[in-house]
Amino acid sequence: FFSPPSVPMPICGPTDSMVDNKVILAPMVRVGTLAFRQLAINYGAQVVYTEEIIDRKLLKTERRVDTAKGLVEYVLTEQRGKLLKETVVFSTLLHRPTNREGVPVILQLGTGDPDHAL
């Protein structure tokens, strides 16, 4: 049985005005992809979260702008034997469609090293 703490817990996170009375796509493991975020926005989400991205992995990526697709992608290139494997670590829209302006996208950035986070 878990009893709540006797002292009020401080609330950490975005400002109240960003989340008060909003429909929010909550952060979920491996589900905050661009396609899923767009679907959530189409169904009325007013704030969306990305999938968690590990800081050191993001630092190894190359930012690529694909104007034909209208995307900004962060691509990780890794050597796998004799082949190079490219993985899109994170992607977002180059320009927001006018019917979705103002929908904040919150980037979840994780780290395995507290000193590296600071």
Protein backbone atom coordinates (compact mmCIF):
# COMPACT_ATOMS: atom_id res chain seq x y z
CA PHE A 1 0.00 0.00 0.00
CA PHE A 2 1.36 3.41 -1.00
CA SER A 3 0.58 6.48 1.11
CA PRO A 4 0.93 9.91 -0.45
CA PRO A 5 3.68 12.19 0.85
CA SER A 6 2.71 14.47 3.72
CA VAL A 7 4.25 17.52 2.04
CA PRO A 8 2.87 18.95 -1.20
CA MET A 9 4.96 17.93 -4.21
CA PRO A 10 6.13 20.79 -6.44
CA ILE A 11 4.80 20.70 -9.99
CA CYS A 12 7.55 20.69 -12.60
CA GLY A 13 7.02 21.10 -16.29
CA PRO A 14 5.49 23.46 -18.82
CA THR A 15 3.71 26.58 -17.66
CA ASP A 16 0.09 26.17 -16.64
CA SER A 17 -1.13 28.24 -19.58
CA MET A 18 0.39 25.70 -21.97
CA VAL A 19 -1.55 22.78 -20.54
CA ASP A 20 -4.61 24.15 -18.76
CA ASN A 21 -7.82 22.89 -20.39
CA LYS A 22 -5.93 21.42 -23.36
CA VAL A 23 -6.19 18.12 -25.17
CA ILE A 24 -2.69 16.66 -24.83
CA LEU A 25 -1.02 13.71 -26.53
CA ALA A 26 0.80 12.36 -23.48
CA PRO A 27 4.42 11.25 -23.79
CA MET A 28 4.60 7.54 -24.58
CA VAL A 29 7.45 5.15 -25.33
CA ARG A 30 8.06 4.72 -29.10
CA VAL A 31 4.73 6.30 -30.04
CA GLY A 32 5.50 10.00 -30.49
CA THR A 33 6.55 9.68 -34.13
CA LEU A 34 5.72 12.42 -36.62
CA ALA A 35 2.89 10.40 -38.18
CA PHE A 36 1.31 9.70 -34.79
CA ARG A 37 1.68 13.34 -33.69
CA GLN A 38 -0.01 14.49 -36.91
CA LEU A 39 -2.83 12.00 -36.37
CA ALA A 40 -3.32 13.24 -32.79
CA ILE A 41 -3.39 16.85 -34.01
CA ASN A 42 -5.96 15.91 -36.67
CA TYR A 43 -8.12 14.45 -33.89
CA GLY A 44 -7.85 17.62 -31.81
CA ALA A 45 -4.65 17.43 -29.75
CA GLN A 46 -3.52 20.92 -28.77
CA VAL A 47 -0.13 19.89 -27.33
CA VAL A 48 1.95 16.91 -28.51
CA TYR A 49 5.15 15.23 -27.29
CA THR A 50 7.87 13.59 -29.36
CA GLU A 51 9.19 10.15 -28.60
CA GLU A 52 12.07 10.32 -26.09
CA ILE A 53 15.35 11.02 -27.85
CA ILE A 54 18.64 10.22 -26.14
CA ASP A 55 20.95 13.22 -26.09
CA ARG A 56 24.13 11.42 -27.16
CA LYS A 57 22.35 9.76 -30.07
CA LEU A 58 20.94 13.08 -31.24
CA LEU A 59 24.43 14.62 -31.12
CA LYS A 60 25.61 11.98 -33.62
CA THR A 61 22.91 12.78 -36.18
CA GLU A 62 23.00 14.92 -39.27
CA ARG A 63 20.19 17.44 -39.75
CA ARG A 64 18.70 17.12 -43.23
CA VAL A 65 16.06 19.34 -44.77
CA ASP A 66 13.92 17.65 -47.40
CA THR A 67 11.93 20.43 -49.07
CA ALA A 68 10.23 17.98 -51.44
CA LYS A 69 8.73 16.08 -48.48
CA GLY A 70 8.45 19.17 -46.30
CA LEU A 71 10.46 17.53 -43.51
CA VAL A 72 13.41 18.19 -41.26
CA GLU A 73 15.03 14.86 -40.34
CA TYR A 74 17.84 14.01 -37.94
CA VAL A 75 19.58 11.00 -39.45
CA LEU A 76 22.05 8.67 -37.75
CA THR A 77 24.49 6.90 -40.09
CA GLU A 78 26.12 3.75 -38.69
CA GLN A 79 28.58 1.28 -40.19
CA ARG A 80 27.12 -2.26 -40.19
CA GLY A 81 29.77 -4.54 -41.60
CA LYS A 82 30.35 -3.34 -45.17
CA LEU A 83 27.08 -1.44 -45.29
CA LEU A 84 26.09 1.98 -44.04
CA LYS A 85 22.75 2.04 -42.27
CA GLU A 86 20.79 5.28 -42.01
CA THR A 87 18.14 5.68 -39.30
CA VAL A 88 15.87 8.67 -38.88
CA VAL A 89 16.13 9.45 -35.16
CA PHE A 90 13.70 12.37 -35.21
CA SER A 91 11.64 14.16 -37.82
CA THR A 92 9.35 17.15 -37.87
CA LEU A 93 7.56 19.29 -40.41
CA LEU A 94 9.53 21.98 -42.20
CA HIS A 95 6.49 24.27 -42.15
CA ARG A 96 3.33 23.83 -40.14
CA PRO A 97 0.12 23.60 -42.15
CA THR A 98 -2.03 26.68 -41.49
CA ASN A 99 -4.80 24.65 -39.82
CA ARG A 100 -2.34 23.42 -37.15
CA GLU A 101 -0.50 26.59 -36.21
CA GLY A 102 0.12 27.06 -32.54
CA VAL A 103 0.22 23.36 -31.59
CA PRO A 104 3.33 23.05 -29.42
CA VAL A 105 5.58 20.05 -30.03
CA ILE A 106 7.49 19.22 -26.85
CA LEU A 107 10.80 17.45 -27.43
CA GLN A 108 11.54 14.79 -24.81
CA LEU A 109 15.28 14.64 -24.36
CA GLY A 110 16.72 11.85 -22.23
CA THR A 111 20.20 11.23 -20.91
CA GLY A 112 22.06 8.45 -19.14
CA ASP A 113 24.53 10.80 -17.49
CA PRO A 114 23.40 13.53 -15.08
CA ASP A 115 26.59 15.52 -15.64
CA HIS A 116 26.03 15.43 -19.39
CA ALA A 117 22.49 16.74 -18.90
CA LEU A 118 23.74 19.89 -17.23
